[in-house]
Amino acid sequence: MPNTRPPMFNFAAAKVIWALVPIATINIGAAIPFVVAAVKGVIKPWIAVVYVVAEVLILGIGTVVVRPNEESPLVGFPLIATSATHTALLDNDNFRIWK
């Protein structure tokens, strides 16, 4: 059965650029690639919703828990790493959970 879903990336450099979005925005844009992928029909919309909720929770918890005089740059690191990795795998046919 041929793959009927549209590709997320039109060229090879696009994969790198999209994978850098969560890293470059320091977690603020972690859900952007998944919202775009859901709109394009590459992934199921619930995956994008999960990333948006996770991003809001992590940013909210990081804002509430971290004291003003202390900095914790690692609060959002797990989401940044997960989002960048999953963005790079969006066009990989070996991963079926989100397709």
PDB file of N, CA and C in Angstrom:
ATOM      1  N   MET A   1       0.839  -1.172   0.000  1.00  0.00           N
ATOM      2  CA  MET A   1       0.000   0.000   0.000  1.00  0.00           C
ATOM      3  C   MET A   1       0.889   1.241   0.000  1.00  0.00           C
ATOM      4  N   PRO A   2       0.718   2.131  -0.957  1.00  0.00           N
ATOM      5  CA  PRO A   2       1.570   3.314  -1.041  1.00  0.00           C
ATOM      6  C   PRO A   2       1.255   4.315   0.077  1.00  0.00           C
ATOM      7  N   ASN A   3       2.244   5.081   0.405  1.00  0.00           N
ATOM      8  CA  ASN A   3       2.105   6.086   1.445  1.00  0.00           C
ATOM      9  C   ASN A   3       1.256   7.238   0.896  1.00  0.00           C
ATOM     10  N   THR A   4       0.084   7.477   1.475  1.00  0.00           N
ATOM     11  CA  THR A   4      -0.828   8.482   0.956  1.00  0.00           C
ATOM     12  C   THR A   4      -0.777   9.808   1.703  1.00  0.00           C
ATOM     13  N   ARG A   5      -0.070   9.877   2.793  1.00  0.00           N
ATOM     14  CA  ARG A   5      -0.010  11.135   3.524  1.00  0.00           C
ATOM     15  C   ARG A   5       1.016  12.070   2.895  1.00  0.00           C
ATOM     16  N   PRO A   6       0.793  13.374   2.997  1.00  0.00           N
ATOM     17  CA  PRO A   6       1.733  14.324   2.393  1.00  0.00           C
ATOM     18  C   PRO A   6       3.043  14.375   3.170  1.00  0.00           C
ATOM     19  N   PRO A   7       4.126  14.728   2.511  1.00  0.00           N
ATOM     20  CA  PRO A   7       5.403  14.842   3.218  1.00  0.00           C
ATOM     21  C   PRO A   7       5.453  16.119   4.063  1.00  0.00           C
ATOM     22  N   MET A   8       6.142  16.049   5.149  1.00  0.00           N
ATOM     23  CA  MET A   8       6.322  17.228   5.994  1.00  0.00           C
ATOM     24  C   MET A   8       7.410  18.131   5.413  1.00  0.00           C
ATOM     25  N   PHE A   9       8.446  17.513   4.890  1.00  0.00           N
ATOM     26  CA  PHE A   9       9.604  18.276   4.411  1.00  0.00           C
ATOM     27  C   PHE A   9       9.701  18.164   2.893  1.00  0.00           C
ATOM     28  N   ASN A  10       9.788  19.308   2.217  1.00  0.00           N
ATOM     29  CA  ASN A  10       9.892  19.311   0.760  1.00  0.00           C
ATOM     30  C   ASN A  10      11.324  19.111   0.278  1.00  0.00           C
ATOM     31  N   PHE A  11      12.297  19.411   1.104  1.00  0.00           N
ATOM     32  CA  PHE A  11      13.699  19.203   0.752  1.00  0.00           C
ATOM     33  C   PHE A  11      14.481  18.886   2.014  1.00  0.00           C
ATOM     34  N   ALA A  12      15.684  18.360   1.857  1.00  0.00           N
ATOM     35  CA  ALA A  12      16.471  17.856   2.992  1.00  0.00           C
ATOM     36  C   ALA A  12      16.792  18.936   4.023  1.00  0.00           C
ATOM     37  N   ALA A  13      17.098  20.125   3.577  1.00  0.00           N
ATOM     38  CA  ALA A  13      17.440  21.194   4.523  1.00  0.00           C
ATOM     39  C   ALA A  13      16.236  21.596   5.381  1.00  0.00           C
ATOM     40  N   ALA A  14      15.034  21.377   4.878  1.00  0.00           N
ATOM     41  CA  ALA A  14      13.833  21.724   5.646  1.00  0.00           C
ATOM     42  C   ALA A  14      13.750  20.893   6.921  1.00  0.00           C
ATOM     43  N   LYS A  15      14.193  19.652   6.869  1.00  0.00           N
ATOM     44  CA  LYS A  15      14.180  18.797   8.065  1.00  0.00           C
ATOM     45  C   LYS A  15      15.069  19.395   9.152  1.00  0.00           C
ATOM     46  N   VAL A  16      16.234  19.871   8.766  1.00  0.00           N
ATOM     47  CA  VAL A  16      17.160  20.471   9.733  1.00  0.00           C
ATOM     48  C   VAL A  16      16.580  21.770  10.286  1.00  0.00           C
ATOM     49  N   ILE A  17      16.021  22.584   9.407  1.00  0.00           N
ATOM     50  CA  ILE A  17      15.454  23.866   9.836  1.00  0.00           C
ATOM     51  C   ILE A  17      14.305  23.641  10.812  1.00  0.00           C
ATOM     52  N   TRP A  18      13.386  22.719  10.472  1.00  0.00           N
ATOM     53  CA  TRP A  18      12.260  22.444  11.359  1.00  0.00           C
ATOM     54  C   TRP A  18      12.722  21.830  12.682  1.00  0.00           C
ATOM     55  N   ALA A  19      13.750  20.983  12.658  1.00  0.00           N
ATOM     56  CA  ALA A  19      14.264  20.383  13.894  1.00  0.00           C
ATOM     57  C   ALA A  19      14.928  21.426  14.792  1.00  0.00           C
ATOM     58  N   LEU A  20      15.419  22.500  14.208  1.00  0.00           N
ATOM     59  CA  LEU A  20      16.056  23.560  14.990  1.00  0.00           C
ATOM     60  C   LEU A  20      15.052  24.523  15.626  1.00  0.00           C
ATOM     61  N   VAL A  21      13.803  24.498  15.179  1.00  0.00           N
ATOM     62  CA  VAL A  21      12.796  25.423  15.727  1.00  0.00           C
ATOM     63  C   VAL A  21      12.658  25.280  17.252  1.00  0.00           C
ATOM     64  N   PRO A  22      12.463  24.073  17.803  1.00  0.00           N
ATOM     65  CA  PRO A  22      12.345  23.974  19.271  1.00  0.00           C
ATOM     66  C   PRO A  22      13.622  24.392  20.006  1.00  0.00           C
ATOM     67  N   ILE A  23      14.759  24.131  19.381  1.00  0.00           N
ATOM     68  CA  ILE A  23      16.041  24.480  20.008  1.00  0.00           C
ATOM     69  C   ILE A  23      16.258  25.986  19.968  1.00  0.00           C
ATOM     70  N   ALA A  24      16.031  26.596  18.811  1.00  0.00           N
ATOM     71  CA  ALA A  24      16.278  28.032  18.644  1.00  0.00           C
ATOM     72  C   ALA A  24      15.307  28.889  19.449  1.00  0.00           C
ATOM     73  N   THR A  25      14.093  28.401  19.635  1.00  0.00           N
ATOM     74  CA  THR A  25      13.108  29.184  20.394  1.00  0.00           C
ATOM     75  C   THR A  25      13.158  28.877  21.886  1.00  0.00           C
ATOM     76  N   ILE A  26      14.071  28.039  22.298  1.00  0.00           N
ATOM     77  CA  ILE A  26      14.266  27.664  23.697  1.00  0.00           C
ATOM     78  C   ILE A  26      12.940  27.244  24.339  1.00  0.00           C
ATOM     79  N   ASN A  27      12.291  26.294  23.716  1.00  0.00           N
ATOM     80  CA  ASN A  27      11.083  25.657  24.220  1.00  0.00           C
ATOM     81  C   ASN A  27       9.801  26.431  23.933  1.00  0.00           C
ATOM     82  N   ILE A  28       9.866  27.693  23.610  1.00  0.00           N
ATOM     83  CA  ILE A  28       8.644  28.461  23.377  1.00  0.00           C
ATOM     84  C   ILE A  28       7.953  27.996  22.098  1.00  0.00           C
ATOM     85  N   GLY A  29       8.716  27.530  21.131  1.00  0.00           N
ATOM     86  CA  GLY A  29       8.132  27.069  19.879  1.00  0.00           C
ATOM     87  C   GLY A  29       8.201  25.573  19.679  1.00  0.00           C
ATOM     88  N   ALA A  30       8.236  24.812  20.763  1.00  0.00           N
ATOM     89  CA  ALA A  30       8.374  23.355  20.661  1.00  0.00           C
ATOM     90  C   ALA A  30       7.209  22.701  19.947  1.00  0.00           C
ATOM     91  N   ALA A  31       6.023  23.261  20.053  1.00  0.00           N
ATOM     92  CA  ALA A  31       4.837  22.653  19.444  1.00  0.00           C
ATOM     93  C   ALA A  31       4.604  23.109  18.000  1.00  0.00           C
ATOM     94  N   ILE A  32       5.277  24.144  17.550  1.00  0.00           N
ATOM     95  CA  ILE A  32       5.037  24.704  16.214  1.00  0.00           C
ATOM     96  C   ILE A  32       5.173  23.670  15.104  1.00  0.00           C
ATOM     97  N   PRO A  33       6.247  22.867  15.046  1.00  0.00           N
ATOM     98  CA  PRO A  33       6.344  21.884  13.960  1.00  0.00           C
ATOM     99  C   PRO A  33       5.192  20.881  13.957  1.00  0.00           C
ATOM    100  N   PHE A  34       4.670  20.554  15.112  1.00  0.00           N
ATOM    101  CA  PHE A  34       3.601  19.561  15.193  1.00  0.00           C
ATOM    102  C   PHE A  34       2.246  20.152  14.820  1.00  0.00           C
ATOM    103  N   VAL A  35       2.034  21.417  15.129  1.00  0.00           N
ATOM    104  CA  VAL A  35       0.809  22.089  14.689  1.00  0.00           C
ATOM    105  C   VAL A  35       0.812  22.198  13.166  1.00  0.00           C
ATOM    106  N   VAL A  36       1.955  22.571  12.591  1.00  0.00           N
ATOM    107  CA  VAL A  36       2.070  22.650  11.131  1.00  0.00           C
ATOM    108  C   VAL A  36       1.867  21.272  10.501  1.00  0.00           C
ATOM    109  N   ALA A  37       2.462  20.252  11.087  1.00  0.00           N
ATOM    110  CA  ALA A  37       2.314  18.890  10.562  1.00  0.00           C
ATOM    111  C   ALA A  37       0.866  18.418  10.648  1.00  0.00           C
ATOM    112  N   ALA A  38       0.158  18.777  11.710  1.00  0.00           N
ATOM    113  CA  ALA A  38      -1.253  18.392  11.838  1.00  0.00           C
ATOM    114  C   ALA A  38      -2.100  19.100  10.794  1.00  0.00           C
ATOM    115  N   VAL A  39      -1.816  20.367  10.553  1.00  0.00           N
ATOM    116  CA  VAL A  39      -2.558  21.119   9.534  1.00  0.00           C
ATOM    117  C   VAL A  39      -2.292  20.546   8.140  1.00  0.00           C
ATOM    118  N   LYS A  40      -1.051  20.128   7.878  1.00  0.00           N
ATOM    119  CA  LYS A  40      -0.709  19.521   6.591  1.00  0.00           C
ATOM    120  C   LYS A  40      -1.261  18.110   6.435  1.00  0.00           C
ATOM    121  N   GLY A  41      -1.693  17.499   7.528  1.00  0.00           N
ATOM    122  CA  GLY A  41      -2.210  16.139   7.483  1.00  0.00           C
ATOM    123  C   GLY A  41      -1.133  15.079   7.611  1.00  0.00           C
ATOM    124  N   VAL A  42       0.041  15.471   8.065  1.00  0.00           N
ATOM    125  CA  VAL A  42       1.149  14.534   8.221  1.00  0.00           C
ATOM    126  C   VAL A  42       0.964  13.680   9.470  1.00  0.00           C
ATOM    127  N   ILE A  43       0.455  14.268  10.528  1.00  0.00           N
ATOM    128  CA  ILE A  43       0.218  13.547  11.783  1.00  0.00           C
ATOM    129  C   ILE A  43      -1.228  13.753  12.221  1.00  0.00           C
ATOM    130  N   LYS A  44      -1.636  12.978  13.188  1.00  0.00           N
ATOM    131  CA  LYS A  44      -2.980  13.124  13.747  1.00  0.00           C
ATOM    132  C   LYS A  44      -3.015  14.362  14.634  1.00  0.00           C
ATOM    133  N   PRO A  45      -4.124  15.078  14.648  1.00  0.00           N
ATOM    134  CA  PRO A  45      -4.203  16.319  15.439  1.00  0.00           C
ATOM    135  C   PRO A  45      -3.965  16.133  16.933  1.00  0.00           C
ATOM    136  N   TRP A  46      -4.271  14.972  17.492  1.00  0.00           N
ATOM    137  CA  TRP A  46      -4.083  14.789  18.931  1.00  0.00           C
ATOM    138  C   TRP A  46      -2.618  14.870  19.335  1.00  0.00           C
ATOM    139  N   ILE A  47      -1.712  14.537  18.414  1.00  0.00           N
ATOM    140  CA  ILE A  47      -0.281  14.652  18.728  1.00  0.00           C
ATOM    141  C   ILE A  47       0.088  16.125  18.918  1.00  0.00           C
ATOM    142  N   ALA A  48      -0.418  16.985  18.035  1.00  0.00           N
ATOM    143  CA  ALA A  48      -0.150  18.419  18.168  1.00  0.00           C
ATOM    144  C   ALA A  48      -0.737  18.955  19.470  1.00  0.00           C
ATOM    145  N   VAL A  49      -1.922  18.489  19.836  1.00  0.00           N
ATOM    146  CA  VAL A  49      -2.554  18.928  21.092  1.00  0.00           C
ATOM    147  C   VAL A  49      -1.708  18.508  22.289  1.00  0.00           C
ATOM    148  N   VAL A  50      -1.169  17.303  22.259  1.00  0.00           N
ATOM    149  CA  VAL A  50      -0.313  16.828  23.353  1.00  0.00           C
ATOM    150  C   VAL A  50       0.921  17.722  23.491  1.00  0.00           C
ATOM    151  N   TYR A  51       1.528  18.088  22.378  1.00  0.00           N
ATOM    152  CA  TYR A  51       2.712  18.952  22.446  1.00  0.00           C
ATOM    153  C   TYR A  51       2.366  20.349  22.947  1.00  0.00           C
ATOM    154  N   VAL A  52       1.227  20.893  22.529  1.00  0.00           N
ATOM    155  CA  VAL A  52       0.817  22.219  23.006  1.00  0.00           C
ATOM    156  C   VAL A  52       0.562  22.175  24.510  1.00  0.00           C
ATOM    157  N   VAL A  53      -0.151  21.164  24.987  1.00  0.00           N
ATOM    158  CA  VAL A  53      -0.426  21.036  26.420  1.00  0.00           C
ATOM    159  C   VAL A  53       0.870  20.856  27.207  1.00  0.00           C
ATOM    160  N   ALA A  54       1.762  20.013  26.712  1.00  0.00           N
ATOM    161  CA  ALA A  54       3.045  19.803  27.403  1.00  0.00           C
ATOM    162  C   ALA A  54       3.851  21.094  27.460  1.00  0.00           C
ATOM    163  N   GLU A  55       3.853  21.838  26.365  1.00  0.00           N
ATOM    164  CA  GLU A  55       4.600  23.088  26.336  1.00  0.00           C
ATOM    165  C   GLU A  55       4.025  24.093  27.338  1.00  0.00           C
ATOM    166  N   VAL A  56       2.712  24.229  27.367  1.00  0.00           N
ATOM    167  CA  VAL A  56       2.076  25.154  28.313  1.00  0.00           C
ATOM    168  C   VAL A  56       2.351  24.726  29.752  1.00  0.00           C
ATOM    169  N   LEU A  57       2.240  23.431  30.034  1.00  0.00           N
ATOM    170  CA  LEU A  57       2.511  22.940  31.386  1.00  0.00           C
ATOM    171  C   LEU A  57       3.954  23.189  31.814  1.00  0.00           C
ATOM    172  N   ILE A  58       4.882  22.871  30.935  1.00  0.00           N
ATOM    173  CA  ILE A  58       6.299  23.038  31.292  1.00  0.00           C
ATOM    174  C   ILE A  58       6.656  24.509  31.467  1.00  0.00           C
ATOM    175  N   LEU A  59       6.151  25.359  30.581  1.00  0.00           N
ATOM    176  CA  LEU A  59       6.418  26.794  30.735  1.00  0.00           C
ATOM    177  C   LEU A  59       5.746  27.340  31.990  1.00  0.00           C
ATOM    178  N   GLY A  60       4.538  26.874  32.271  1.00  0.00           N
ATOM    179  CA  GLY A  60       3.831  27.318  33.472  1.00  0.00           C
ATOM    180  C   GLY A  60       4.508  26.850  34.750  1.00  0.00           C
ATOM    181  N   ILE A  61       4.867  25.581  34.792  1.00  0.00           N
ATOM    182  CA  ILE A  61       5.550  25.036  35.966  1.00  0.00           C
ATOM    183  C   ILE A  61       6.904  25.707  36.145  1.00  0.00           C
ATOM    184  N   GLY A  62       7.607  25.910  35.045  1.00  0.00           N
ATOM    185  CA  GLY A  62       8.905  26.573  35.125  1.00  0.00           C
ATOM    186  C   GLY A  62       8.800  27.994  35.637  1.00  0.00           C
ATOM    187  N   THR A  63       7.721  28.666  35.299  1.00  0.00           N
ATOM    188  CA  THR A  63       7.512  30.035  35.765  1.00  0.00           C
ATOM    189  C   THR A  63       7.142  30.068  37.240  1.00  0.00           C
ATOM    190  N   VAL A  64       6.330  29.111  37.679  1.00  0.00           N
ATOM    191  CA  VAL A  64       5.863  29.095  39.066  1.00  0.00           C
ATOM    192  C   VAL A  64       6.919  28.542  40.014  1.00  0.00           C
ATOM    193  N   VAL A  65       7.597  27.480  39.631  1.00  0.00           N
ATOM    194  CA  VAL A  65       8.519  26.782  40.525  1.00  0.00           C
ATOM    195  C   VAL A  65       9.848  27.511  40.685  1.00  0.00           C
ATOM    196  N   VAL A  66      10.383  28.052  39.617  1.00  0.00           N
ATOM    197  CA  VAL A  66      11.698  28.690  39.675  1.00  0.00           C
ATOM    198  C   VAL A  66      11.576  30.026  40.401  1.00  0.00           C
ATOM    199  N   ARG A  67      12.416  30.210  41.386  1.00  0.00           N
ATOM    200  CA  ARG A  67      12.413  31.453  42.165  1.00  0.00           C
ATOM    201  C   ARG A  67      13.042  32.574  41.331  1.00  0.00           C
ATOM    202  N   PRO A  68      12.640  33.810  41.583  1.00  0.00           N
ATOM    203  CA  PRO A  68      13.142  34.933  40.776  1.00  0.00           C
ATOM    204  C   PRO A  68      14.659  35.108  40.815  1.00  0.00           C
ATOM    205  N   ASN A  69      15.294  34.804  41.928  1.00  0.00           N
ATOM    206  CA  ASN A  69      16.739  35.004  42.045  1.00  0.00           C
ATOM    207  C   ASN A  69      17.544  33.816  41.527  1.00  0.00           C
ATOM    208  N   GLU A  70      16.867  32.741  41.194  1.00  0.00           N
ATOM    209  CA  GLU A  70      17.549  31.549  40.709  1.00  0.00           C
ATOM    210  C   GLU A  70      17.128  31.272  39.275  1.00  0.00           C
ATOM    211  N   GLU A  71      18.033  30.736  38.508  1.00  0.00           N
ATOM    212  CA  GLU A  71      17.713  30.370  37.141  1.00  0.00           C
ATOM    213  C   GLU A  71      17.813  28.860  36.991  1.00  0.00           C
ATOM    214  N   SER A  72      16.914  28.301  36.224  1.00  0.00           N
ATOM    215  CA  SER A  72      16.945  26.872  35.961  1.00  0.00           C
ATOM    216  C   SER A  72      16.753  26.649  34.465  1.00  0.00           C
ATOM    217  N   PRO A  73      17.828  26.663  33.713  1.00  0.00           N
ATOM    218  CA  PRO A  73      17.700  26.503  32.265  1.00  0.00           C
ATOM    219  C   PRO A  73      17.292  25.091  31.853  1.00  0.00           C
ATOM    220  N   LEU A  74      17.338  24.149  32.769  1.00  0.00           N
ATOM    221  CA  LEU A  74      17.035  22.765  32.416  1.00  0.00           C
ATOM    222  C   LEU A  74      15.568  22.390  32.597  1.00  0.00           C
ATOM    223  N   VAL A  75      14.725  23.334  32.981  1.00  0.00           N
ATOM    224  CA  VAL A  75      13.316  23.026  33.202  1.00  0.00           C
ATOM    225  C   VAL A  75      12.676  22.500  31.924  1.00  0.00           C
ATOM    226  N   GLY A  76      12.912  23.142  30.802  1.00  0.00           N
ATOM    227  CA  GLY A  76      12.285  22.740  29.555  1.00  0.00           C
ATOM    228  C   GLY A  76      13.141  21.883  28.655  1.00  0.00           C
ATOM    229  N   PHE A  77      14.320  21.513  29.107  1.00  0.00           N
ATOM    230  CA  PHE A  77      15.226  20.746  28.249  1.00  0.00           C
ATOM    231  C   PHE A  77      14.638  19.428  27.748  1.00  0.00           C
ATOM    232  N   PRO A  78      13.937  18.652  28.582  1.00  0.00           N
ATOM    233  CA  PRO A  78      13.369  17.395  28.055  1.00  0.00           C
ATOM    234  C   PRO A  78      12.394  17.613  26.896  1.00  0.00           C
ATOM    235  N   LEU A  79      11.569  18.654  26.983  1.00  0.00           N
ATOM    236  CA  LEU A  79      10.640  18.928  25.879  1.00  0.00           C
ATOM    237  C   LEU A  79      11.387  19.402  24.642  1.00  0.00           C
ATOM    238  N   ILE A  80      12.418  20.199  24.807  1.00  0.00           N
ATOM    239  CA  ILE A  80      13.210  20.667  23.665  1.00  0.00           C
ATOM    240  C   ILE A  80      13.828  19.472  22.948  1.00  0.00           C
ATOM    241  N   ALA A  81      14.457  18.583  23.702  1.00  0.00           N
ATOM    242  CA  ALA A  81      15.106  17.409  23.106  1.00  0.00           C
ATOM    243  C   ALA A  81      14.098  16.479  22.439  1.00  0.00           C
ATOM    244  N   THR A  82      12.981  16.241  23.114  1.00  0.00           N
ATOM    245  CA  THR A  82      11.951  15.359  22.557  1.00  0.00           C
ATOM    246  C   THR A  82      11.342  15.952  21.298  1.00  0.00           C
ATOM    247  N   SER A  83      11.018  17.223  21.345  1.00  0.00           N
ATOM    248  CA  SER A  83      10.393  17.877  20.200  1.00  0.00           C
ATOM    249  C   SER A  83      11.330  17.924  18.995  1.00  0.00           C
ATOM    250  N   ALA A  84      12.585  18.253  19.213  1.00  0.00           N
ATOM    251  CA  ALA A  84      13.547  18.301  18.101  1.00  0.00           C
ATOM    252  C   ALA A  84      13.740  16.918  17.482  1.00  0.00           C
ATOM    253  N   THR A  85      13.826  15.890  18.323  1.00  0.00           N
ATOM    254  CA  THR A  85      13.993  14.525  17.823  1.00  0.00           C
ATOM    255  C   THR A  85      12.769  14.073  17.047  1.00  0.00           C
ATOM    256  N   HIS A  86      11.590  14.288  17.593  1.00  0.00           N
ATOM    257  CA  HIS A  86      10.366  13.863  16.921  1.00  0.00           C
ATOM    258  C   HIS A  86      10.109  14.649  15.640  1.00  0.00           C
ATOM    259  N   THR A  87      10.497  15.921  15.623  1.00  0.00           N
ATOM    260  CA  THR A  87      10.364  16.717  14.394  1.00  0.00           C
ATOM    261  C   THR A  87      11.225  16.136  13.296  1.00  0.00           C
ATOM    262  N   ALA A  88      12.438  15.743  13.626  1.00  0.00           N
ATOM    263  CA  ALA A  88      13.330  15.155  12.622  1.00  0.00           C
ATOM    264  C   ALA A  88      12.801  13.820  12.104  1.00  0.00           C
ATOM    265  N   LEU A  89      11.977  13.138  12.888  1.00  0.00           N
ATOM    266  CA  LEU A  89      11.443  11.831  12.495  1.00  0.00           C
ATOM    267  C   LEU A  89      10.062  11.898  11.832  1.00  0.00           C
ATOM    268  N   LEU A  90       9.535  13.083  11.591  1.00  0.00           N
ATOM    269  CA  LEU A  90       8.179  13.197  11.058  1.00  0.00           C
ATOM    270  C   LEU A  90       7.973  12.482   9.721  1.00  0.00           C
ATOM    271  N   ASP A  91       8.943  12.490   8.845  1.00  0.00           N
ATOM    272  CA  ASP A  91       8.792  11.825   7.547  1.00  0.00           C
ATOM    273  C   ASP A  91       9.351  10.412   7.521  1.00  0.00           C
ATOM    274  N   ASN A  92       9.730   9.882   8.664  1.00  0.00           N
ATOM    275  CA  ASN A  92      10.268   8.533   8.727  1.00  0.00           C
ATOM    276  C   ASN A  92       9.122   7.528   8.779  1.00  0.00           C
ATOM    277  N   ASP A  93       9.062   6.618   7.813  1.00  0.00           N
ATOM    278  CA  ASP A  93       7.957   5.660   7.730  1.00  0.00           C
ATOM    279  C   ASP A  93       8.036   4.548   8.756  1.00  0.00           C
ATOM    280  N   ASN A  94       9.131   4.430   9.478  1.00  0.00           N
ATOM    281  CA  ASN A  94       9.263   3.382  10.502  1.00  0.00           C
ATOM    282  C   ASN A  94       8.457   3.687  11.765  1.00  0.00           C
ATOM    283  N   PHE A  95       8.061   4.928  11.951  1.00  0.00           N
ATOM    284  CA  PHE A  95       7.315   5.330  13.137  1.00  0.00           C
ATOM    285  C   PHE A  95       5.870   5.563  12.748  1.00  0.00           C
ATOM    286  N   ARG A  96       4.976   4.706  13.235  1.00  0.00           N
ATOM    287  CA  ARG A  96       3.574   4.735  12.818  1.00  0.00           C
ATOM    288  C   ARG A  96       2.627   5.324  13.857  1.00  0.00           C
ATOM    289  N   ILE A  97       3.059   5.572  15.073  1.00  0.00           N
ATOM    290  CA  ILE A  97       2.134   5.962  16.136  1.00  0.00           C
ATOM    291  C   ILE A  97       1.412   7.273  15.819  1.00  0.00           C
ATOM    292  N   TRP A  98       2.082   8.209  15.190  1.00  0.00           N
ATOM    293  CA  TRP A  98       1.459   9.498  14.966  1.00  0.00           C
ATOM    294  C   TRP A  98       0.904   9.673  13.574  1.00  0.00           C
ATOM    295  N   LYS A  99       0.866   8.614  12.805  1.00  0.00           N
ATOM    296  CA  LYS A  99       0.422   8.743  11.411  1.00  0.00           C
ATOM    297  C   LYS A  99      -0.907   8.073  11.174  1.00  0.00           C
TER     298      LYS A  99
END
